[in-house]
C-alpha atoms as a PDB file:
ATOM      1  CA  MET A   1      33.658 -26.825 -17.834  1.00  0.00           C
ATOM      2  CA  LYS A   2      31.929 -29.960 -19.158  1.00  0.00           C
ATOM      3  CA  THR A   3      34.030 -32.040 -16.751  1.00  0.00           C
ATOM      4  CA  ASN A   4      32.814 -29.956 -13.805  1.00  0.00           C
ATOM      5  CA  ILE A   5      29.171 -30.386 -14.839  1.00  0.00           C
ATOM      6  CA  LEU A   6      29.672 -34.121 -15.198  1.00  0.00           C
ATOM      7  CA  LEU A   7      31.250 -34.339 -11.746  1.00  0.00           C
ATOM      8  CA  LEU A   8      28.357 -32.357 -10.272  1.00  0.00           C
ATOM      9  CA  SER A   9      25.877 -34.638 -11.967  1.00  0.00           C
ATOM     10  CA  LEU A  10      27.659 -37.716 -10.635  1.00  0.00           C
ATOM     11  CA  SER A  11      27.667 -36.281  -7.132  1.00  0.00           C
ATOM     12  CA  LEU A  12      23.906 -35.717  -7.306  1.00  0.00           C
ATOM     13  CA  GLY A  13      23.028 -39.230  -8.450  1.00  0.00           C
ATOM     14  CA  VAL A  14      22.076 -41.103 -11.608  1.00  0.00           C
ATOM     15  CA  THR A  15      18.586 -39.596 -11.794  1.00  0.00           C
ATOM     16  CA  SER A  16      19.986 -36.251 -12.955  1.00  0.00           C
ATOM     17  CA  LEU A  17      22.248 -38.005 -15.502  1.00  0.00           C
ATOM     18  CA  SER A  18      19.358 -39.729 -17.224  1.00  0.00           C
ATOM     19  CA  ALA A  19      17.047 -36.694 -17.187  1.00  0.00           C
ATOM     20  CA  GLN A  20      16.713 -34.959 -20.529  1.00  0.00           C
ATOM     21  CA  THR A  21      13.387 -33.140 -20.688  1.00  0.00           C
ATOM     22  CA  LEU A  22      11.725 -30.646 -18.399  1.00  0.00           C
ATOM     23  CA  ALA A  23       9.425 -33.354 -17.099  1.00  0.00           C
ATOM     24  CA  ASP A  24      12.341 -35.717 -16.520  1.00  0.00           C
ATOM     25  CA  TYR A  25      14.204 -33.174 -14.439  1.00  0.00           C
ATOM     26  CA  ALA A  26      11.070 -32.168 -12.542  1.00  0.00           C
ATOM     27  CA  ASN A  27      10.253 -35.795 -11.732  1.00  0.00           C
ATOM     28  CA  ALA A  28      13.836 -36.443 -10.698  1.00  0.00           C
ATOM     29  CA  GLY A  29      13.621 -33.430  -8.398  1.00  0.00           C
ATOM     30  CA  ASP A  30      10.409 -34.696  -6.837  1.00  0.00           C
ATOM     31  CA  ALA A  31      11.960 -38.100  -6.265  1.00  0.00           C
ATOM     32  CA  ALA A  32      15.013 -36.530  -4.638  1.00  0.00           C
ATOM     33  CA  MET A  33      12.824 -34.369  -2.394  1.00  0.00           C
ATOM     34  CA  LYS A  34      10.881 -37.435  -1.314  1.00  0.00           C
ATOM     35  CA  ASP A  35      14.143 -39.106  -0.348  1.00  0.00           C
ATOM     36  CA  GLY A  36      15.335 -36.044   1.539  1.00  0.00           C
ATOM     37  CA  LYS A  37      18.104 -35.281  -0.976  1.00  0.00           C
ATOM     38  CA  ILE A  38      17.517 -31.551  -1.085  1.00  0.00           C
ATOM     39  CA  GLN A  39      20.609 -30.484  -3.025  1.00  0.00           C
ATOM     40  CA  GLU A  40      19.904 -33.099  -5.676  1.00  0.00           C
ATOM     41  CA  ALA A  41      16.305 -31.881  -5.875  1.00  0.00           C
ATOM     42  CA  ILE A  42      17.451 -28.283  -6.293  1.00  0.00           C
ATOM     43  CA  TYR A  43      19.834 -29.272  -9.098  1.00  0.00           C
ATOM     44  CA  ASN A  44      17.051 -31.034 -11.000  1.00  0.00           C
ATOM     45  CA  TYR A  45      14.477 -28.304 -10.417  1.00  0.00           C
ATOM     46  CA  VAL A  46      16.898 -25.649 -11.657  1.00  0.00           C
ATOM     47  CA  LYS A  47      17.584 -27.717 -14.795  1.00  0.00           C
ATOM     48  CA  ALA A  48      13.839 -28.090 -15.343  1.00  0.00           C
ATOM     49  CA  GLN A  49      13.342 -24.329 -15.013  1.00  0.00           C
ATOM     50  CA  GLU A  50      16.095 -23.713 -17.553  1.00  0.00           C
ATOM     51  CA  LEU A  51      14.095 -25.791 -20.039  1.00  0.00           C
ATOM     52  CA  ASP A  52      10.825 -23.961 -19.309  1.00  0.00           C
ATOM     53  CA  THR A  53      10.860 -21.951 -22.526  1.00  0.00           C
ATOM     54  CA  ASP A  54       7.122 -21.258 -22.294  1.00  0.00           C
ATOM     55  CA  ASN A  55       7.650 -19.819 -18.800  1.00  0.00           C
ATOM     56  CA  ASN A  56       4.554 -21.541 -17.400  1.00  0.00           C
ATOM     57  CA  ASP A  57       5.897 -24.370 -15.233  1.00  0.00           C
ATOM     58  CA  TYR A  58       4.902 -22.766 -11.958  1.00  0.00           C
ATOM     59  CA  VAL A  59       4.720 -26.112 -10.130  1.00  0.00           C
ATOM     60  CA  THR A  60       8.445 -26.793 -10.463  1.00  0.00           C
ATOM     61  CA  ALA A  61       9.264 -23.186  -9.565  1.00  0.00           C
ATOM     62  CA  PHE A  62       7.184 -23.594  -6.416  1.00  0.00           C
ATOM     63  CA  GLN A  63       8.932 -26.878  -5.583  1.00  0.00           C
ATOM     64  CA  LEU A  64      12.274 -25.148  -6.045  1.00  0.00           C
ATOM     65  CA  GLY A  65      11.223 -22.499  -3.555  1.00  0.00           C
ATOM     66  CA  THR A  66      10.253 -25.194  -1.068  1.00  0.00           C
ATOM     67  CA  ALA A  67      13.618 -26.908  -1.520  1.00  0.00           C
ATOM     68  CA  TYR A  68      15.554 -23.683  -1.003  1.00  0.00           C
ATOM     69  CA  GLU A  69      13.550 -22.978   2.146  1.00  0.00           C
ATOM     70  CA  ALA A  70      14.415 -26.437   3.447  1.00  0.00           C
ATOM     71  CA  ILE A  71      18.125 -25.549   3.467  1.00  0.00           C
ATOM     72  CA  GLY A  72      17.659 -21.994   4.712  1.00  0.00           C
ATOM     73  CA  GLU A  73      18.309 -20.241   1.382  1.00  0.00           C
ATOM     74  CA  SER A  74      15.569 -17.681   1.993  1.00  0.00           C
ATOM     75  CA  GLN A  75      16.535 -15.185  -0.717  1.00  0.00           C
ATOM     76  CA  LYS A  76      16.620 -17.884  -3.388  1.00  0.00           C
ATOM     77  CA  ALA A  77      13.374 -19.321  -2.039  1.00  0.00           C
ATOM     78  CA  GLY A  78      11.714 -15.918  -2.421  1.00  0.00           C
ATOM     79  CA  ASP A  79      13.001 -15.633  -5.986  1.00  0.00           C
ATOM     80  CA  ALA A  80      11.660 -19.101  -6.829  1.00  0.00           C
ATOM     81  CA  TYR A  81       8.242 -18.360  -5.349  1.00  0.00           C
ATOM     82  CA  LYS A  82       8.165 -15.078  -7.284  1.00  0.00           C
ATOM     83  CA  ALA A  83       8.970 -16.981 -10.478  1.00  0.00           C
ATOM     84  CA  SER A  84       6.140 -19.403  -9.702  1.00  0.00           C
ATOM     85  CA  ILE A  85       3.678 -16.517  -9.379  1.00  0.00           C
ATOM     86  CA  ILE A  86       4.890 -14.843 -12.572  1.00  0.00           C
ATOM     87  CA  LYS A  87       4.535 -18.174 -14.384  1.00  0.00           C
ATOM     88  CA  GLY A  88       0.868 -18.297 -13.399  1.00  0.00           C
ATOM     89  CA  ASN A  89       0.568 -19.544  -9.822  1.00  0.00           C
ATOM     90  CA  TYR A  90      -2.054 -17.243  -8.306  1.00  0.00           C
ATOM     91  CA  ASP A  91      -2.459 -19.141  -5.048  1.00  0.00           C
ATOM     92  CA  GLY A  92      -2.458 -16.551  -2.272  1.00  0.00           C
ATOM     93  CA  GLY A  93      -0.436 -18.911  -0.116  1.00  0.00           C
ATOM     94  CA  VAL A  94       2.492 -18.717  -2.551  1.00  0.00           C
ATOM     95  CA  ILE A  95       2.490 -14.935  -2.320  1.00  0.00           C
ATOM     96  CA  THR A  96       2.643 -15.280   1.465  1.00  0.00           C
ATOM     97  CA  ASN A  97       5.492 -17.789   1.138  1.00  0.00           C
ATOM     98  CA  MET A  98       7.393 -15.358  -1.070  1.00  0.00           C
ATOM     99  CA  LYS A  99       6.873 -12.465   1.340  1.00  0.00           C
ATOM    100  CA  ASN A 100       7.935 -14.546   4.340  1.00  0.00           C
ATOM    101  CA  ALA A 101      11.022 -15.844   2.552  1.00  0.00           C
ATOM    102  CA  TYR A 102      12.219 -12.384   1.540  1.00  0.00           C
ATOM    103  CA  GLU A 103      11.583 -11.046   5.030  1.00  0.00           C
ATOM    104  CA  ALA A 104      13.515 -13.977   6.499  1.00  0.00           C
ATOM    105  CA  ALA A 105      16.371 -12.987   4.187  1.00  0.00           C
ATOM    106  CA  GLY A 106      16.143  -9.424   5.525  1.00  0.00           C
ATOM    107  CA  CYS A 107      15.193  -7.992   2.135  1.00  0.00           C
ATOM    108  CA  ASN A 108      12.021  -5.965   2.584  1.00  0.00           C
ATOM    109  CA  ASP A 109      12.662  -4.087  -0.668  1.00  0.00           C
ATOM    110  CA  CYS A 110      12.556  -7.457  -2.433  1.00  0.00           C
ATOM    111  CA  VAL A 111       8.914  -7.800  -1.391  1.00  0.00           C
ATOM    112  CA  LYS A 112       7.928  -4.446  -2.878  1.00  0.00           C
ATOM    113  CA  ASN A 113       9.933  -5.028  -6.046  1.00  0.00           C
ATOM    114  CA  ALA A 114       8.429  -8.493  -6.426  1.00  0.00           C
ATOM    115  CA  TYR A 115       4.877  -7.140  -6.259  1.00  0.00           C
ATOM    116  CA  ILE A 116       5.781  -4.611  -8.960  1.00  0.00           C
ATOM    117  CA  GLU A 117       7.393  -7.297 -11.136  1.00  0.00           C
ATOM    118  CA  ILE A 118       4.399  -9.586 -10.760  1.00  0.00           C
ATOM    119  CA  LYS A 119       1.826  -7.002 -11.834  1.00  0.00           C
ATOM    120  CA  THR A 120       4.080  -5.876 -14.686  1.00  0.00           C
ATOM    121  CA  ALA A 121       4.407  -9.439 -15.968  1.00  0.00           C
ATOM    122  CA  ASN A 122       0.736 -10.286 -15.356  1.00  0.00           C
ATOM    123  CA  PRO A 123      -1.567  -7.233 -15.675  1.00  0.00           C
ATOM    124  CA  ALA A 124      -4.437  -9.376 -14.382  1.00  0.00           C
ATOM    125  CA  GLN A 125      -2.634  -9.336 -11.033  1.00  0.00           C
ATOM    126  CA  THR A 126      -2.446  -5.526 -10.878  1.00  0.00           C
ATOM    127  CA  ILE A 127      -5.240  -5.049  -8.351  1.00  0.00           C
ATOM    128  CA  PRO A 128      -4.126  -7.836  -5.943  1.00  0.00           C
ATOM    129  CA  MET A 129      -0.550  -6.516  -6.031  1.00  0.00           C
ATOM    130  CA  ASP A 130      -1.619  -2.876  -5.640  1.00  0.00           C
ATOM    131  CA  ARG A 131      -3.685  -3.936  -2.636  1.00  0.00           C
ATOM    132  CA  LYS A 132      -0.446  -5.110  -1.000  1.00  0.00           C
ATOM    133  CA  LEU A 133       1.712  -2.267  -2.288  1.00  0.00           C
ATOM    134  CA  TYR A 134      -0.651   0.294  -0.722  1.00  0.00           C
ATOM    135  CA  PHE A 135       0.417  -0.676   2.798  1.00  0.00           C
ATOM    136  CA  ILE A 136       4.103  -0.599   1.864  1.00  0.00           C
ATOM    137  CA  TYR A 137       3.844   2.866   0.311  1.00  0.00           C
ATOM    138  CA  VAL A 138       1.884   4.232   3.276  1.00  0.00           C
ATOM    139  CA  LYS A 139       4.554   2.909   5.630  1.00  0.00           C
ATOM    140  CA  GLU A 140       7.184   4.633   3.471  1.00  0.00           C
ATOM    141  CA  LYS A 141       5.015   7.799   3.446  1.00  0.00           C
ATOM    142  CA  ASN A 142       5.040   7.638  -0.340  1.00  0.00           C
ATOM    143  CA  TYR A 143       1.478   8.903  -0.535  1.00  0.00           C
ATOM    144  CA  GLU A 144       1.501   9.596  -4.277  1.00  0.00           C
ATOM    145  CA  GLU A 145       2.189   5.922  -5.070  1.00  0.00           C
ATOM    146  CA  ALA A 146      -0.261   4.815  -2.388  1.00  0.00           C
ATOM    147  CA  LEU A 147      -2.913   6.935  -4.127  1.00  0.00           C
ATOM    148  CA  LYS A 148      -2.241   5.164  -7.422  1.00  0.00           C
ATOM    149  CA  CYS A 149      -2.742   1.825  -5.692  1.00  0.00           C
ATOM    150  CA  GLU A 150      -6.079   2.862  -4.189  1.00  0.00           C
ATOM    151  CA  MET A 151      -7.311   4.241  -7.499  1.00  0.00           C
ATOM    152  CA  SER A 152      -6.403   0.891  -8.984  1.00  0.00           C
ATOM    153  CA  GLU A 153      -8.384  -0.909  -6.276  1.00  0.00           C
ATOM    154  CA  LEU A 154     -11.453   1.174  -7.124  1.00  0.00           C
ATOM    155  CA  ASN A 155     -11.470  -0.623 -10.478  1.00  0.00           C
ATOM    156  CA  ASP A 156     -12.152  -3.924  -8.721  1.00  0.00           C
ATOM    157  CA  ALA A 157     -15.559  -5.030  -9.984  1.00  0.00           C
ATOM    158  CA  THR A 158     -15.983  -7.315  -6.966  1.00  0.00           C
ATOM    159  CA  LEU A 159     -15.857  -4.468  -4.431  1.00  0.00           C
ATOM    160  CA  ASP A 160     -18.908  -4.374  -2.220  1.00  0.00           C
ATOM    161  CA  GLU A 161     -20.296  -1.176  -0.713  1.00  0.00           C
ATOM    162  CA  GLU A 162     -18.328  -1.547   2.520  1.00  0.00           C
ATOM    163  CA  GLY A 163     -15.094  -2.087   0.623  1.00  0.00           C
ATOM    164  CA  ARG A 164     -15.702   0.907  -1.615  1.00  0.00           C
ATOM    165  CA  ILE A 165     -16.397   3.150   1.394  1.00  0.00           C
ATOM    166  CA  LYS A 166     -13.143   2.016   2.994  1.00  0.00           C
ATOM    167  CA  ILE A 167     -11.154   2.911  -0.105  1.00  0.00           C
ATOM    168  CA  TYR A 168     -12.930   6.266  -0.517  1.00  0.00           C
ATOM    169  CA  LYS A 169     -11.834   7.134   3.024  1.00  0.00           C
ATOM    170  CA  ARG A 170      -8.265   6.039   2.331  1.00  0.00           C
ATOM    171  CA  VAL A 171      -8.138   8.089  -0.875  1.00  0.00           C
ATOM    172  CA  ALA A 172      -9.486  11.147   0.936  1.00  0.00           C
ATOM    173  CA  GLN A 173      -6.880  10.824   3.686  1.00  0.00           C
ATOM    174  CA  LEU A 174      -4.108  10.390   1.120  1.00  0.00           C
ATOM    175  CA  TYR A 175      -5.217  13.569  -0.648  1.00  0.00           C
ATOM    176  CA  ILE A 176      -5.028  15.359   2.685  1.00  0.00           C
ATOM    177  CA  ASN A 177      -1.517  13.960   3.151  1.00  0.00           C
ATOM    178  CA  VAL A 178      -0.434  15.441  -0.177  1.00  0.00           C
ATOM    179  CA  ASP A 179      -2.139  18.768   0.644  1.00  0.00           C
ATOM    180  CA  GLN A 180      -5.041  18.472  -1.799  1.00  0.00           C
ATOM    181  CA  PRO A 181      -8.044  19.109   0.498  1.00  0.00           C
ATOM    182  CA  ASP A 182     -10.450  19.811  -2.363  1.00  0.00           C
ATOM    183  CA  SER A 183      -9.829  16.350  -3.826  1.00  0.00           C
ATOM    184  CA  ALA A 184     -10.151  14.854  -0.354  1.00  0.00           C
ATOM    185  CA  GLU A 185     -13.568  16.450   0.023  1.00  0.00           C
ATOM    186  CA  VAL A 186     -14.702  14.896  -3.269  1.00  0.00           C
ATOM    187  CA  TYR A 187     -14.061  11.409  -1.884  1.00  0.00           C
ATOM    188  CA  TYR A 188     -15.502  12.177   1.531  1.00  0.00           C
ATOM    189  CA  ASP A 189     -18.640  13.326  -0.281  1.00  0.00           C
ATOM    190  CA  LYS A 190     -18.753   9.961  -2.044  1.00  0.00           C
ATOM    191  CA  VAL A 191     -18.866   8.308   1.371  1.00  0.00           C
ATOM    192  CA  LEU A 192     -21.590  10.641   2.618  1.00  0.00           C
ATOM    193  CA  ALA A 193     -23.630   9.903  -0.474  1.00  0.00           C
ATOM    194  CA  ILE A 194     -23.776   6.299   0.776  1.00  0.00           C
ATOM    195  CA  THR A 195     -23.745   6.830   4.543  1.00  0.00           C
ATOM    196  CA  PRO A 196     -24.818  10.447   5.264  1.00  0.00           C
ATOM    197  CA  ASN A 197     -24.094  10.296   9.008  1.00  0.00           C
ATOM    198  CA  ASP A 198     -20.675   8.656   8.887  1.00  0.00           C
ATOM    199  CA  ALA A 199     -19.033  10.080  12.029  1.00  0.00           C
ATOM    200  CA  ASP A 200     -15.451   9.523  10.842  1.00  0.00           C
ATOM    201  CA  VAL A 201     -16.042  11.438   7.621  1.00  0.00           C
ATOM    202  CA  HIS A 202     -17.801  14.342   9.317  1.00  0.00           C
ATOM    203  CA  LYS A 203     -14.964  14.499  11.837  1.00  0.00           C
ATOM    204  CA  ALA A 204     -12.361  14.496   9.059  1.00  0.00           C
ATOM    205  CA  LEU A 205     -14.197  17.225   7.140  1.00  0.00           C
ATOM    206  CA  GLY A 206     -14.675  19.315  10.266  1.00  0.00           C
ATOM    207  CA  TYR A 207     -11.045  18.977  11.280  1.00  0.00           C
ATOM    208  CA  GLY A 208      -9.953  19.759   7.716  1.00  0.00           C
ATOM    209  CA  LEU A 209     -11.855  23.043   7.742  1.00  0.00           C
ATOM    210  CA  TYR A 210     -10.691  23.869  11.256  1.00  0.00           C
ATOM    211  CA  ASN A 211      -7.080  23.240  10.202  1.00  0.00           C
ATOM    212  CA  ALA A 212      -7.614  25.496   7.175  1.00  0.00           C
ATOM    213  CA  ILE A 213      -8.584  28.297   9.569  1.00  0.00           C
ATOM    214  CA  GLN A 214      -5.547  27.577  11.748  1.00  0.00           C
ATOM    215  CA  LYS A 215      -3.269  27.608   8.720  1.00  0.00           C
ATOM    216  CA  ALA A 216      -4.659  30.883   7.402  1.00  0.00           C
ATOM    217  CA  THR A 217      -4.323  32.453  10.858  1.00  0.00           C
ATOM    218  CA  LYS A 218      -0.762  31.203  11.260  1.00  0.00           C
ATOM    219  CA  ASN A 219       0.247  32.527   7.843  1.00  0.00           C
ATOM    220  CA  ALA A 220      -1.362  35.914   8.507  1.00  0.00           C
ATOM    221  CA  GLN A 221       0.384  36.232  11.859  1.00  0.00           C
ATOM    222  CA  ALA A 222       3.725  35.188  10.354  1.00  0.00           C
ATOM    223  CA  ALA A 223       3.383  37.799   7.624  1.00  0.00           C
ATOM    224  CA  TYR A 224       2.611  40.462  10.226  1.00  0.00           C
ATOM    225  CA  LYS A 225       5.560  39.510  12.421  1.00  0.00           C
ATOM    226  CA  ALA A 226       7.866  39.513   9.405  1.00  0.00           C
ATOM    227  CA  LYS A 227       7.348  43.246   8.982  1.00  0.00           C
ATOM    228  CA  ALA A 228      10.280  45.276  10.267  1.00  0.00           C
ATOM    229  CA  LYS A 229       7.944  48.006  11.493  1.00  0.00           C
ATOM    230  CA  PRO A 230       4.364  46.740  11.245  1.00  0.00           C
ATOM    231  CA  THR A 231       1.742  49.457  10.868  1.00  0.00           C
ATOM    232  CA  GLN A 232      -1.879  49.607  11.924  1.00  0.00           C
ATOM    233  CA  HIS A 233      -2.735  48.732   8.326  1.00  0.00           C
ATOM    234  CA  ASP A 234      -0.600  45.609   8.541  1.00  0.00           C
ATOM    235  CA  PHE A 235      -2.440  44.638  11.716  1.00  0.00           C
ATOM    236  CA  SER A 236      -5.766  45.151   9.986  1.00  0.00           C
ATOM    237  CA  VAL A 237      -4.661  42.957   7.080  1.00  0.00           C
ATOM    238  CA  MET A 238      -3.774  40.198   9.533  1.00  0.00           C
ATOM    239  CA  GLN A 239      -7.107  40.508  11.315  1.00  0.00           C
ATOM    240  CA  THR A 240      -9.016  40.516   8.041  1.00  0.00           C
ATOM    241  CA  ALA A 241      -7.311  37.319   6.860  1.00  0.00           C
ATOM    242  CA  GLN A 242      -8.224  35.566  10.105  1.00  0.00           C
ATOM    243  CA  LYS A 243     -11.795  36.859   9.927  1.00  0.00           C
ATOM    244  CA  ARG A 244     -12.308  35.750   6.335  1.00  0.00           C
ATOM    245  CA  ALA A 245     -10.985  32.243   7.027  1.00  0.00           C
ATOM    246  CA  THR A 246     -13.102  31.886  10.167  1.00  0.00           C
ATOM    247  CA  LEU A 247     -16.316  33.025   8.510  1.00  0.00           C
ATOM    248  CA  ALA A 248     -15.618  31.028   5.323  1.00  0.00           C
ATOM    249  CA  TYR A 249     -14.876  27.696   7.011  1.00  0.00           C
ATOM    250  CA  GLY A 250     -16.115  27.983  10.590  1.00  0.00           C
ATOM    251  CA  PRO A 251     -19.878  27.427  10.192  1.00  0.00           C
ATOM    252  CA  THR A 252     -19.422  24.385   7.944  1.00  0.00           C
ATOM    253  CA  ALA A 253     -16.753  22.974  10.269  1.00  0.00           C
ATOM    254  CA  ILE A 254     -19.140  23.318  13.208  1.00  0.00           C
ATOM    255  CA  LYS A 255     -21.897  21.520  11.278  1.00  0.00           C
ATOM    256  CA  HIS A 256     -19.656  18.546  10.433  1.00  0.00           C
ATOM    257  CA  LEU A 257     -18.185  18.296  13.929  1.00  0.00           C
ATOM    258  CA  GLU A 258     -21.616  18.421  15.559  1.00  0.00           C
ATOM    259  CA  ILE A 259     -22.812  15.516  13.422  1.00  0.00           C
ATOM    260  CA  ALA A 260     -19.641  13.568  14.224  1.00  0.00           C
ATOM    261  CA  ASN A 261     -19.971  14.184  17.934  1.00  0.00           C
ATOM    262  CA  LYS A 262     -23.487  12.772  18.076  1.00  0.00           C
ATOM    263  CA  THR A 263     -21.739   9.427  17.664  1.00  0.00           C
ATOM    264  CA  LEU A 264     -18.231  10.042  18.991  1.00  0.00           C
ATOM    265  CA  ASN A 265     -19.012  12.227  22.019  1.00  0.00           C
ATOM    266  CA  ASP A 266     -15.403  13.425  22.016  1.00  0.00           C
ATOM    267  CA  LYS A 267     -14.411  16.195  24.458  1.00  0.00           C
ATOM    268  CA  GLN A 268     -11.738  17.523  22.135  1.00  0.00           C
ATOM    269  CA  ILE A 269     -14.315  17.904  19.371  1.00  0.00           C
ATOM    270  CA  SER A 270     -16.655  19.645  21.816  1.00  0.00           C
ATOM    271  CA  ASP A 271     -13.887  22.095  22.741  1.00  0.00           C
ATOM    272  CA  ILE A 272     -13.161  22.888  19.089  1.00  0.00           C
ATOM    273  CA  ILE A 273     -16.859  23.433  18.378  1.00  0.00           C
ATOM    274  CA  ALA A 274     -17.079  25.872  21.304  1.00  0.00           C
ATOM    275  CA  LYS A 275     -13.977  27.730  20.129  1.00  0.00           C
ATOM    276  CA  LEU A 276     -15.260  27.959  16.568  1.00  0.00           C
ATOM    277  CA  ARG A 277     -18.665  29.222  17.717  1.00  0.00           C
ATOM    278  CA  GLN A 278     -17.019  31.899  19.828  1.00  0.00           C
ATOM    279  CA  ASN A 279     -14.778  33.056  16.967  1.00  0.00           C
ATOM    280  CA  VAL A 280     -17.568  33.032  14.378  1.00  0.00           C
ATOM    281  CA  ALA A 281     -19.782  35.043  16.723  1.00  0.00           C
ATOM    282  CA  ALA A 282     -17.006  37.555  17.398  1.00  0.00           C
ATOM    283  CA  TYR A 283     -16.225  38.087  13.711  1.00  0.00           C
ATOM    284  CA  SER A 284     -19.927  38.278  12.796  1.00  0.00           C
ATOM    285  CA  LYS A 285     -20.514  41.412  14.840  1.00  0.00           C
END
């Protein structure tokens, strides 16, 4: 084994033979990179990283990533960039390099796992990593994890009012996605407390209430149709369920949709408002 290492060292040049410390190997790697000797640079950078017992030499890890990219070793480049970040390199460009390298290697899961590893190793990076993980989880339709990321982002002390409103809306939509409309309304109300006439929020609240009526109606009709021999009483139960849902949610839905439509002027919203008014009037008699 020692013979093989010696042969490898000889093949990579005398600089690697004379290198003994982390700095020596790192400098030898830089010199090799400057001369275009990429494999020799990689050898020296790897040796330097092996000696990084304090796990803080992010410069050499970054250089290793660059060297791997130069020879098309995208997976290894991504790993090296990830190591650089974990060691303390918080340059946003390195995170982009890592993402691009993993994607070039066809390993999208590596990107997600890297973000998780980074925030686990460096809790100070939790919010920046959760900001990126949010989009991945939404794409995967993993709304529970996406919610955790947005709750994490709300702890960002640097958030301005516009940024906070954006996250409130995202959180509300995620709660709708996981069928928790009451929680969604809490966060929509937070938006309205800041911008009372926000058309998007009023539309979302109006549609949420309208959908609640539709759901209650659908369930009542399904229960009626499921009866082998439905009676007049069963029909009355169905009608009562529809009436209660319409009168409970309809007026508030109309109010929200009317406010939204002052800005949006959407025909579909106008049609829903007209339908809701008609149904509320019919059940109010």
